[in-house]
Amino acid sequence: GNAPLTDADVIIALGGDGFLLETLHRALGLNRERPLPVY
């Protein structure tokens, strides 16, 4: 299944190191005070 980013507990990022960096910035944009953890 797939939870919306607004309801998720964690983001699962599939890609390389560059995409992981993009995902961390995305998590920061969604919630600066408490960004979702990224696996």
Full PDB file with SEQRES, HELIX, SHEET, SSBOND, CRYST1, ORIGX, SCALE, CONECT and MASTER records, all heavy atoms in Angstrom:
SEQRES   1 A   39  GLY ASN ALA PRO LEU THR ASP ALA ASP VAL ILE ILE ALA          
SEQRES   2 A   39  LEU GLY GLY ASP GLY PHE LEU LEU GLU THR LEU HIS ARG          
SEQRES   3 A   39  ALA LEU GLY LEU ASN ARG GLU ARG PRO LEU PRO VAL TYR          
HELIX    1 AA1 ASP A   17  LEU A   30  1                                  14    
CRYST1    1.000    1.000    1.000  90.00  90.00  90.00 P 1           1          
ORIGX1      1.000000  0.000000  0.000000        0.00000                         
ORIGX2      0.000000  1.000000  0.000000        0.00000                         
ORIGX3      0.000000  0.000000  1.000000        0.00000                         
SCALE1      1.000000  0.000000  0.000000        0.00000                         
SCALE2      0.000000  1.000000  0.000000        0.00000                         
SCALE3      0.000000  0.000000  1.000000        0.00000                         
ATOM      1  N   GLY A   1       0.822  -1.181   0.000  1.00  0.00           N  
ATOM      2  CA  GLY A   1       0.000   0.000   0.000  1.00  0.00           C  
ATOM      3  C   GLY A   1       0.868   1.248   0.000  1.00  0.00           C  
ATOM      4  O   GLY A   1       2.103   1.177   0.013  1.00  0.00           O  
ATOM      5  N   ASN A   2       0.227   2.417  -0.002  1.00  0.00           N  
ATOM      6  CA  ASN A   2       0.985   3.658  -0.085  1.00  0.00           C  
ATOM      7  C   ASN A   2       0.226   4.771   0.631  1.00  0.00           C  
ATOM      8  O   ASN A   2      -0.853   5.170   0.195  1.00  0.00           O  
ATOM      9  CB  ASN A   2       1.215   4.049  -1.550  1.00  0.00           C  
ATOM     10  CG  ASN A   2       2.173   5.208  -1.688  1.00  0.00           C  
ATOM     11  OD1 ASN A   2       3.244   5.208  -1.087  1.00  0.00           O  
ATOM     12  ND2 ASN A   2       1.802   6.202  -2.476  1.00  0.00           N  
ATOM     13  N   ALA A   3       0.797   5.253   1.729  1.00  0.00           N  
ATOM     14  CA  ALA A   3       0.156   6.320   2.491  1.00  0.00           C  
ATOM     15  C   ALA A   3       0.466   7.667   1.857  1.00  0.00           C  
ATOM     16  O   ALA A   3       1.573   7.871   1.332  1.00  0.00           O  
ATOM     17  CB  ALA A   3       0.650   6.302   3.932  1.00  0.00           C  
ATOM     18  N   PRO A   4      -0.479   8.612   1.880  1.00  0.00           N  
ATOM     19  CA  PRO A   4      -0.153   9.974   1.430  1.00  0.00           C  
ATOM     20  C   PRO A   4       0.962  10.555   2.305  1.00  0.00           C  
ATOM     21  O   PRO A   4       1.066  10.232   3.490  1.00  0.00           O  
ATOM     22  CB  PRO A   4      -1.468  10.736   1.628  1.00  0.00           C  
ATOM     23  CG  PRO A   4      -2.527   9.690   1.760  1.00  0.00           C  
ATOM     24  CD  PRO A   4      -1.864   8.490   2.352  1.00  0.00           C  
ATOM     25  N   LEU A   5       1.777  11.421   1.716  1.00  0.00           N  
ATOM     26  CA  LEU A   5       2.883  12.012   2.473  1.00  0.00           C  
ATOM     27  C   LEU A   5       2.379  12.765   3.695  1.00  0.00           C  
ATOM     28  O   LEU A   5       3.065  12.822   4.728  1.00  0.00           O  
ATOM     29  CB  LEU A   5       3.689  12.945   1.564  1.00  0.00           C  
ATOM     30  CG  LEU A   5       4.619  12.268   0.563  1.00  0.00           C  
ATOM     31  CD1 LEU A   5       5.164  13.286  -0.434  1.00  0.00           C  
ATOM     32  CD2 LEU A   5       5.769  11.569   1.279  1.00  0.00           C  
ATOM     33  N   THR A   6       1.181  13.323   3.609  1.00  0.00           N  
ATOM     34  CA  THR A   6       0.644  14.090   4.734  1.00  0.00           C  
ATOM     35  C   THR A   6       0.216  13.200   5.900  1.00  0.00           C  
ATOM     36  O   THR A   6       0.031  13.689   7.020  1.00  0.00           O  
ATOM     37  CB  THR A   6      -0.553  14.928   4.279  1.00  0.00           C  
ATOM     38  OG1 THR A   6      -1.491  14.083   3.585  1.00  0.00           O  
ATOM     39  CG2 THR A   6      -0.096  16.050   3.351  1.00  0.00           C  
ATOM     40  N   ASP A   7       0.047  11.881   5.655  1.00  0.00           N  
ATOM     41  CA  ASP A   7      -0.397  10.955   6.703  1.00  0.00           C  
ATOM     42  C   ASP A   7       0.646   9.896   7.044  1.00  0.00           C  
ATOM     43  O   ASP A   7       0.403   9.061   7.928  1.00  0.00           O  
ATOM     44  CB  ASP A   7      -1.685  10.240   6.267  1.00  0.00           C  
ATOM     45  CG  ASP A   7      -2.856  11.196   6.094  1.00  0.00           C  
ATOM     46  OD1 ASP A   7      -2.895  12.199   6.834  1.00  0.00           O  
ATOM     47  OD2 ASP A   7      -3.708  10.936   5.226  1.00  0.00           O  
ATOM     48  N   ALA A   8       1.783   9.908   6.390  1.00  0.00           N  
ATOM     49  CA  ALA A   8       2.756   8.844   6.546  1.00  0.00           C  
ATOM     50  C   ALA A   8       3.588   9.004   7.818  1.00  0.00           C  
ATOM     51  O   ALA A   8       3.727  10.103   8.366  1.00  0.00           O  
ATOM     52  CB  ALA A   8       3.675   8.797   5.323  1.00  0.00           C  
ATOM     53  N   ASP A   9       4.143   7.876   8.275  1.00  0.00           N  
ATOM     54  CA  ASP A   9       5.102   7.881   9.391  1.00  0.00           C  
ATOM     55  C   ASP A   9       6.531   7.934   8.891  1.00  0.00           C  
ATOM     56  O   ASP A   9       7.429   8.364   9.613  1.00  0.00           O  
ATOM     57  CB  ASP A   9       4.936   6.612  10.241  1.00  0.00           C  
ATOM     58  CG  ASP A   9       3.549   6.505  10.863  1.00  0.00           C  
ATOM     59  OD1 ASP A   9       3.117   7.480  11.505  1.00  0.00           O  
ATOM     60  OD2 ASP A   9       2.907   5.443  10.695  1.00  0.00           O  
ATOM     61  N   VAL A  10       6.740   7.486   7.656  1.00  0.00           N  
ATOM     62  CA  VAL A  10       8.082   7.406   7.106  1.00  0.00           C  
ATOM     63  C   VAL A  10       8.010   7.472   5.586  1.00  0.00           C  
ATOM     64  O   VAL A  10       7.017   7.046   4.980  1.00  0.00           O  
ATOM     65  CB  VAL A  10       8.783   6.091   7.557  1.00  0.00           C  
ATOM     66  CG1 VAL A  10       8.035   4.864   7.035  1.00  0.00           C  
ATOM     67  CG2 VAL A  10      10.240   6.050   7.128  1.00  0.00           C  
ATOM     68  N   ILE A  11       9.043   8.022   4.972  1.00  0.00           N  
ATOM     69  CA  ILE A  11       9.160   8.036   3.516  1.00  0.00           C  
ATOM     70  C   ILE A  11      10.155   6.971   3.104  1.00  0.00           C  
ATOM     71  O   ILE A  11      11.288   6.915   3.629  1.00  0.00           O  
ATOM     72  CB  ILE A  11       9.629   9.408   2.999  1.00  0.00           C  
ATOM     73  CG1 ILE A  11       8.655  10.515   3.406  1.00  0.00           C  
ATOM     74  CG2 ILE A  11       9.783   9.385   1.473  1.00  0.00           C  
ATOM     75  CD1 ILE A  11       9.127  11.910   3.033  1.00  0.00           C  
ATOM     76  N   ILE A  12       9.764   6.114   2.170  1.00  0.00           N  
ATOM     77  CA  ILE A  12      10.666   5.114   1.602  1.00  0.00           C  
ATOM     78  C   ILE A  12      11.127   5.644   0.252  1.00  0.00           C  
ATOM     79  O   ILE A  12      10.336   5.783  -0.682  1.00  0.00           O  
ATOM     80  CB  ILE A  12       9.973   3.741   1.413  1.00  0.00           C  
ATOM     81  CG1 ILE A  12       9.249   3.322   2.703  1.00  0.00           C  
ATOM     82  CG2 ILE A  12      10.994   2.695   0.979  1.00  0.00           C  
ATOM     83  CD1 ILE A  12      10.152   3.099   3.894  1.00  0.00           C  
ATOM     84  N   ALA A  13      12.409   5.979   0.136  1.00  0.00           N  
ATOM     85  CA  ALA A  13      12.958   6.584  -1.077  1.00  0.00           C  
ATOM     86  C   ALA A  13      13.683   5.530  -1.896  1.00  0.00           C  
ATOM     87  O   ALA A  13      14.594   4.860  -1.398  1.00  0.00           O  
ATOM     88  CB  ALA A  13      13.914   7.718  -0.717  1.00  0.00           C  
ATOM     89  N   LEU A  14      13.293   5.390  -3.159  1.00  0.00           N  
ATOM     90  CA  LEU A  14      13.870   4.398  -4.061  1.00  0.00           C  
ATOM     91  C   LEU A  14      14.649   5.122  -5.152  1.00  0.00           C  
ATOM     92  O   LEU A  14      14.057   5.809  -5.986  1.00  0.00           O  
ATOM     93  CB  LEU A  14      12.763   3.534  -4.680  1.00  0.00           C  
ATOM     94  CG  LEU A  14      11.801   2.879  -3.685  1.00  0.00           C  
ATOM     95  CD1 LEU A  14      10.605   2.288  -4.419  1.00  0.00           C  
ATOM     96  CD2 LEU A  14      12.522   1.816  -2.871  1.00  0.00           C  
ATOM     97  N   GLY A  15      15.958   5.010  -5.143  1.00  0.00           N  
ATOM     98  CA  GLY A  15      16.787   5.710  -6.120  1.00  0.00           C  
ATOM     99  C   GLY A  15      18.234   5.695  -5.681  1.00  0.00           C  
ATOM    100  O   GLY A  15      18.675   4.753  -5.011  1.00  0.00           O  
ATOM    101  N   GLY A  16      18.977   6.742  -6.045  1.00  0.00           N  
ATOM    102  CA  GLY A  16      20.373   6.857  -5.665  1.00  0.00           C  
ATOM    103  C   GLY A  16      20.568   7.941  -4.626  1.00  0.00           C  
ATOM    104  O   GLY A  16      19.608   8.487  -4.073  1.00  0.00           O  
ATOM    105  N   ASP A  17      21.829   8.284  -4.381  1.00  0.00           N  
ATOM    106  CA  ASP A  17      22.139   9.285  -3.368  1.00  0.00           C  
ATOM    107  C   ASP A  17      21.555  10.654  -3.720  1.00  0.00           C  
ATOM    108  O   ASP A  17      21.103  11.389  -2.832  1.00  0.00           O  
ATOM    109  CB  ASP A  17      23.660   9.399  -3.195  1.00  0.00           C  
ATOM    110  CG  ASP A  17      24.248   8.179  -2.497  1.00  0.00           C  
ATOM    111  OD1 ASP A  17      23.713   7.795  -1.448  1.00  0.00           O  
ATOM    112  OD2 ASP A  17      25.237   7.618  -2.999  1.00  0.00           O  
ATOM    113  N   GLY A  18      21.562  11.013  -5.008  1.00  0.00           N  
ATOM    114  CA  GLY A  18      20.989  12.290  -5.409  1.00  0.00           C  
ATOM    115  C   GLY A  18      19.507  12.357  -5.137  1.00  0.00           C  
ATOM    116  O   GLY A  18      18.997  13.380  -4.658  1.00  0.00           O  
ATOM    117  N   PHE A  19      18.794  11.267  -5.418  1.00  0.00           N  
ATOM    118  CA  PHE A  19      17.356  11.267  -5.150  1.00  0.00           C  
ATOM    119  C   PHE A  19      17.078  11.279  -3.651  1.00  0.00           C  
ATOM    120  O   PHE A  19      16.101  11.892  -3.204  1.00  0.00           O  
ATOM    121  CB  PHE A  19      16.682  10.058  -5.798  1.00  0.00           C  
ATOM    122  CG  PHE A  19      15.198  10.032  -5.584  1.00  0.00           C  
ATOM    123  CD1 PHE A  19      14.378  10.943  -6.237  1.00  0.00           C  
ATOM    124  CD2 PHE A  19      14.622   9.129  -4.698  1.00  0.00           C  
ATOM    125  CE1 PHE A  19      13.011  10.946  -6.022  1.00  0.00           C  
ATOM    126  CE2 PHE A  19      13.251   9.140  -4.472  1.00  0.00           C  
ATOM    127  CZ  PHE A  19      12.445  10.041  -5.140  1.00  0.00           C  
ATOM    128  N   LEU A  20      17.930  10.622  -2.869  1.00  0.00           N  
ATOM    129  CA  LEU A  20      17.759  10.674  -1.417  1.00  0.00           C  
ATOM    130  C   LEU A  20      17.856  12.119  -0.924  1.00  0.00           C  
ATOM    131  O   LEU A  20      17.078  12.554  -0.068  1.00  0.00           O  
ATOM    132  CB  LEU A  20      18.818   9.804  -0.736  1.00  0.00           C  
ATOM    133  CG  LEU A  20      18.725   9.756   0.791  1.00  0.00           C  
ATOM    134  CD1 LEU A  20      17.485   8.983   1.231  1.00  0.00           C  
ATOM    135  CD2 LEU A  20      19.969   9.128   1.398  1.00  0.00           C  
ATOM    136  N   LEU A  21      18.794  12.867  -1.487  1.00  0.00           N  
ATOM    137  CA  LEU A  21      18.934  14.271  -1.120  1.00  0.00           C  
ATOM    138  C   LEU A  21      17.668  15.045  -1.476  1.00  0.00           C  
ATOM    139  O   LEU A  21      17.174  15.855  -0.686  1.00  0.00           O  
ATOM    140  CB  LEU A  21      20.147  14.866  -1.826  1.00  0.00           C  
ATOM    141  CG  LEU A  21      20.488  16.328  -1.514  1.00  0.00           C  
ATOM    142  CD1 LEU A  21      20.873  16.486  -0.055  1.00  0.00           C  
ATOM    143  CD2 LEU A  21      21.619  16.809  -2.420  1.00  0.00           C  
ATOM    144  N   GLU A  22      17.117  14.806  -2.667  1.00  0.00           N  
ATOM    145  CA  GLU A  22      15.867  15.455  -3.066  1.00  0.00           C  
ATOM    146  C   GLU A  22      14.744  15.107  -2.090  1.00  0.00           C  
ATOM    147  O   GLU A  22      13.933  15.972  -1.725  1.00  0.00           O  
ATOM    148  CB  GLU A  22      15.472  15.004  -4.469  1.00  0.00           C  
ATOM    149  CG  GLU A  22      16.380  15.490  -5.588  1.00  0.00           C  
ATOM    150  CD  GLU A  22      15.907  14.978  -6.930  1.00  0.00           C  
ATOM    151  OE1 GLU A  22      14.694  14.665  -7.066  1.00  0.00           O  
ATOM    152  OE2 GLU A  22      16.739  14.875  -7.850  1.00  0.00           O  
ATOM    153  N   THR A  23      14.692  13.854  -1.654  1.00  0.00           N  
ATOM    154  CA  THR A  23      13.632  13.414  -0.746  1.00  0.00           C  
ATOM    155  C   THR A  23      13.755  14.083   0.610  1.00  0.00           C  
ATOM    156  O   THR A  23      12.756  14.465   1.225  1.00  0.00           O  
ATOM    157  CB  THR A  23      13.674  11.880  -0.601  1.00  0.00           C  
ATOM    158  OG1 THR A  23      13.580  11.273  -1.893  1.00  0.00           O  
ATOM    159  CG2 THR A  23      12.521  11.389   0.263  1.00  0.00           C  
ATOM    160  N   LEU A  24      14.989  14.249   1.104  1.00  0.00           N  
ATOM    161  CA  LEU A  24      15.191  14.938   2.374  1.00  0.00           C  
ATOM    162  C   LEU A  24      14.713  16.394   2.277  1.00  0.00           C  
ATOM    163  O   LEU A  24      14.074  16.909   3.201  1.00  0.00           O  
ATOM    164  CB  LEU A  24      16.658  14.873   2.775  1.00  0.00           C  
ATOM    165  CG  LEU A  24      17.172  13.501   3.228  1.00  0.00           C  
ATOM    166  CD1 LEU A  24      18.696  13.497   3.308  1.00  0.00           C  
ATOM    167  CD2 LEU A  24      16.569  13.117   4.577  1.00  0.00           C  
ATOM    168  N   HIS A  25      15.004  17.051   1.170  1.00  0.00           N  
ATOM    169  CA  HIS A  25      14.511  18.419   0.976  1.00  0.00           C  
ATOM    170  C   HIS A  25      12.986  18.440   0.888  1.00  0.00           C  
ATOM    171  O   HIS A  25      12.333  19.366   1.387  1.00  0.00           O  
ATOM    172  CB  HIS A  25      15.122  19.021  -0.288  1.00  0.00           C  
ATOM    173  CG  HIS A  25      16.466  19.651  -0.078  1.00  0.00           C  
ATOM    174  ND1 HIS A  25      16.620  20.894   0.479  1.00  0.00           N  
ATOM    175  CD2 HIS A  25      17.720  19.189  -0.342  1.00  0.00           C  
ATOM    176  CE1 HIS A  25      17.915  21.193   0.548  1.00  0.00           C  
ATOM    177  NE2 HIS A  25      18.598  20.178   0.057  1.00  0.00           N  
ATOM    178  N   ARG A  26      12.423  17.427   0.266  1.00  0.00           N  
ATOM    179  CA  ARG A  26      10.962  17.339   0.161  1.00  0.00           C  
ATOM    180  C   ARG A  26      10.334  17.182   1.546  1.00  0.00           C  
ATOM    181  O   ARG A  26       9.331  17.828   1.865  1.00  0.00           O  
ATOM    182  CB  ARG A  26      10.589  16.167  -0.736  1.00  0.00           C  
ATOM    183  CG  ARG A  26       9.113  16.063  -1.091  1.00  0.00           C  
ATOM    184  CD  ARG A  26       8.901  14.931  -2.084  1.00  0.00           C  
ATOM    185  NE  ARG A  26       7.526  14.804  -2.502  1.00  0.00           N  
ATOM    186  CZ  ARG A  26       7.075  13.866  -3.325  1.00  0.00           C  
ATOM    187  NH1 ARG A  26       7.938  12.985  -3.832  1.00  0.00           N  
ATOM    188  NH2 ARG A  26       5.810  13.803  -3.659  1.00  0.00           N  
ATOM    189  N   ALA A  27      10.947  16.322   2.375  1.00  0.00           N  
ATOM    190  CA  ALA A  27      10.447  16.138   3.744  1.00  0.00           C  
ATOM    191  C   ALA A  27      10.534  17.436   4.529  1.00  0.00           C  
ATOM    192  O   ALA A  27       9.644  17.775   5.309  1.00  0.00           O  
ATOM    193  CB  ALA A  27      11.247  15.035   4.434  1.00  0.00           C  
ATOM    194  N   LEU A  28      11.601  18.176   4.291  1.00  0.00           N  
ATOM    195  CA  LEU A  28      11.790  19.458   4.963  1.00  0.00           C  
ATOM    196  C   LEU A  28      10.736  20.468   4.522  1.00  0.00           C  
ATOM    197  O   LEU A  28      10.233  21.260   5.323  1.00  0.00           O  
ATOM    198  CB  LEU A  28      13.190  19.978   4.649  1.00  0.00           C  
ATOM    199  CG  LEU A  28      13.759  21.101   5.506  1.00  0.00           C  
ATOM    200  CD1 LEU A  28      13.779  20.717   6.968  1.00  0.00           C  
ATOM    201  CD2 LEU A  28      15.162  21.442   5.026  1.00  0.00           C  
ATOM    202  N   GLY A  29      10.378  20.432   3.249  1.00  0.00           N  
ATOM    203  CA  GLY A  29       9.358  21.335   2.743  1.00  0.00           C  
ATOM    204  C   GLY A  29       7.973  21.030   3.286  1.00  0.00           C  
ATOM    205  O   GLY A  29       7.146  21.931   3.466  1.00  0.00           O  
ATOM    206  N   LEU A  30       7.710  19.753   3.581  1.00  0.00           N  
ATOM    207  CA  LEU A  30       6.399  19.367   4.101  1.00  0.00           C  
ATOM    208  C   LEU A  30       6.228  19.779   5.562  1.00  0.00           C  
ATOM    209  O   LEU A  30       5.152  20.180   5.988  1.00  0.00           O  
ATOM    210  CB  LEU A  30       6.222  17.845   3.975  1.00  0.00           C  
ATOM    211  CG  LEU A  30       6.018  17.312   2.562  1.00  0.00           C  
ATOM    212  CD1 LEU A  30       6.157  15.799   2.556  1.00  0.00           C  
ATOM    213  CD2 LEU A  30       4.641  17.717   2.038  1.00  0.00           C  
ATOM    214  N   ASN A  31       7.301  19.654   6.342  1.00  0.00           N  
ATOM    215  CA  ASN A  31       7.229  19.991   7.765  1.00  0.00           C  
ATOM    216  C   ASN A  31       8.630  20.348   8.235  1.00  0.00           C  
ATOM    217  O   ASN A  31       9.443  19.468   8.515  1.00  0.00           O  
ATOM    218  CB  ASN A  31       6.677  18.816   8.571  1.00  0.00           C  
ATOM    219  CG  ASN A  31       6.401  19.180  10.026  1.00  0.00           C  
ATOM    220  OD1 ASN A  31       7.006  20.107  10.578  1.00  0.00           O  
ATOM    221  ND2 ASN A  31       5.500  18.448  10.657  1.00  0.00           N  
ATOM    222  N   ARG A  32       8.906  21.624   8.323  1.00  0.00           N  
ATOM    223  CA  ARG A  32      10.247  22.075   8.687  1.00  0.00           C  
ATOM    224  C   ARG A  32      10.581  21.746  10.139  1.00  0.00           C  
ATOM    225  O   ARG A  32      11.718  21.440  10.469  1.00  0.00           O  
ATOM    226  CB  ARG A  32      10.361  23.584   8.442  1.00  0.00           C  
ATOM    227  CG  ARG A  32      11.755  24.155   8.675  1.00  0.00           C  
ATOM    228  CD  ARG A  32      11.736  25.663   8.509  1.00  0.00           C  
ATOM    229  NE  ARG A  32      13.020  26.278   8.797  1.00  0.00           N  
ATOM    230  CZ  ARG A  32      13.953  26.513   7.892  1.00  0.00           C  
ATOM    231  NH1 ARG A  32      13.738  26.200   6.632  1.00  0.00           N  
ATOM    232  NH2 ARG A  32      15.089  27.079   8.244  1.00  0.00           N  
ATOM    233  N   GLU A  33       9.568  21.809  11.026  1.00  0.00           N  
ATOM    234  CA  GLU A  33       9.835  21.584  12.443  1.00  0.00           C  
ATOM    235  C   GLU A  33      10.062  20.108  12.755  1.00  0.00           C  
ATOM    236  O   GLU A  33      10.863  19.781  13.633  1.00  0.00           O  
ATOM    237  CB  GLU A  33       8.679  22.124  13.283  1.00  0.00           C  
ATOM    238  CG  GLU A  33       8.551  23.647  13.229  1.00  0.00           C  
ATOM    239  CD  GLU A  33       7.462  24.163  14.146  1.00  0.00           C  
ATOM    240  OE1 GLU A  33       6.792  23.333  14.821  1.00  0.00           O  
ATOM    241  OE2 GLU A  33       7.267  25.385  14.191  1.00  0.00           O  
ATOM    242  N   ARG A  34       9.387  19.235  12.077  1.00  0.00           N  
ATOM    243  CA  ARG A  34       9.538  17.800  12.320  1.00  0.00           C  
ATOM    244  C   ARG A  34       9.389  17.038  11.000  1.00  0.00           C  
ATOM    245  O   ARG A  34       8.363  16.422  10.732  1.00  0.00           O  
ATOM    246  CB  ARG A  34       8.516  17.319  13.346  1.00  0.00           C  
ATOM    247  CG  ARG A  34       8.820  15.968  13.947  1.00  0.00           C  
ATOM    248  CD  ARG A  34       7.859  15.649  15.082  1.00  0.00           C  
ATOM    249  NE  ARG A  34       8.041  16.518  16.223  1.00  0.00           N  
ATOM    250  CZ  ARG A  34       8.960  16.313  17.169  1.00  0.00           C  
ATOM    251  NH1 ARG A  34       9.774  15.283  17.071  1.00  0.00           N  
ATOM    252  NH2 ARG A  34       9.069  17.146  18.190  1.00  0.00           N  
ATOM    253  N   PRO A  35      10.424  17.061  10.168  1.00  0.00           N  
ATOM    254  CA  PRO A  35      10.345  16.360   8.876  1.00  0.00           C  
ATOM    255  C   PRO A  35      10.196  14.846   9.074  1.00  0.00           C  
ATOM    256  O   PRO A  35      10.724  14.281  10.042  1.00  0.00           O  
ATOM    257  CB  PRO A  35      11.687  16.695   8.216  1.00  0.00           C  
ATOM    258  CG  PRO A  35      12.242  17.846   8.994  1.00  0.00           C  
ATOM    259  CD  PRO A  35      11.715  17.724  10.369  1.00  0.00           C  
ATOM    260  N   LEU A  36       9.491  14.225   8.166  1.00  0.00           N  
ATOM    261  CA  LEU A  36       9.356  12.774   8.212  1.00  0.00           C  
ATOM    262  C   LEU A  36      10.721  12.105   8.083  1.00  0.00           C  
ATOM    263  O   LEU A  36      11.570  12.557   7.308  1.00  0.00           O  
ATOM    264  CB  LEU A  36       8.456  12.287   7.072  1.00  0.00           C  
ATOM    265  CG  LEU A  36       6.953  12.535   7.187  1.00  0.00           C  
ATOM    266  CD1 LEU A  36       6.262  12.125   5.894  1.00  0.00           C  
ATOM    267  CD2 LEU A  36       6.377  11.763   8.365  1.00  0.00           C  
ATOM    268  N   PRO A  37      10.958  11.018   8.825  1.00  0.00           N  
ATOM    269  CA  PRO A  37      12.197  10.263   8.617  1.00  0.00           C  
ATOM    270  C   PRO A  37      12.196   9.623   7.233  1.00  0.00           C  
ATOM    271  O   PRO A  37      11.137   9.315   6.673  1.00  0.00           O  
ATOM    272  CB  PRO A  37      12.176   9.214   9.730  1.00  0.00           C  
ATOM    273  CG  PRO A  37      10.745   9.096  10.130  1.00  0.00           C  
ATOM    274  CD  PRO A  37      10.114  10.436   9.879  1.00  0.00           C  
ATOM    275  N   VAL A  38      13.394   9.416   6.707  1.00  0.00           N  
ATOM    276  CA  VAL A  38      13.544   8.859   5.359  1.00  0.00           C  
ATOM    277  C   VAL A  38      14.374   7.584   5.437  1.00  0.00           C  
ATOM    278  O   VAL A  38      15.474   7.564   6.017  1.00  0.00           O  
ATOM    279  CB  VAL A  38      14.221   9.869   4.410  1.00  0.00           C  
ATOM    280  CG1 VAL A  38      14.444   9.234   3.028  1.00  0.00           C  
ATOM    281  CG2 VAL A  38      13.371  11.132   4.278  1.00  0.00           C  
ATOM    282  N   TYR A  39      13.839   6.527   4.842  1.00  0.00           N  
ATOM    283  CA  TYR A  39      14.523   5.242   4.735  1.00  0.00           C  
ATOM    284  C   TYR A  39      14.769   4.997   3.250  1.00  0.00           C  
ATOM    285  O   TYR A  39      13.823   4.855   2.470  1.00  0.00           O  
ATOM    286  CB  TYR A  39      13.655   4.137   5.336  1.00  0.00           C  
ATOM    287  CG  TYR A  39      14.229   2.747   5.265  1.00  0.00           C  
ATOM    288  CD1 TYR A  39      15.024   2.238   6.288  1.00  0.00           C  
ATOM    289  CD2 TYR A  39      13.957   1.917   4.182  1.00  0.00           C  
ATOM    290  CE1 TYR A  39      15.531   0.954   6.233  1.00  0.00           C  
ATOM    291  CE2 TYR A  39      14.456   0.633   4.113  1.00  0.00           C  
ATOM    292  CZ  TYR A  39      15.241   0.148   5.145  1.00  0.00           C  
ATOM    293  OH  TYR A  39      15.749  -1.122   5.081  1.00  0.00           O  
TER     294      TYR A  39                                                      
MASTER        0    0    0    1    0    0    0    6  293    1    0    3          
END                                                                             
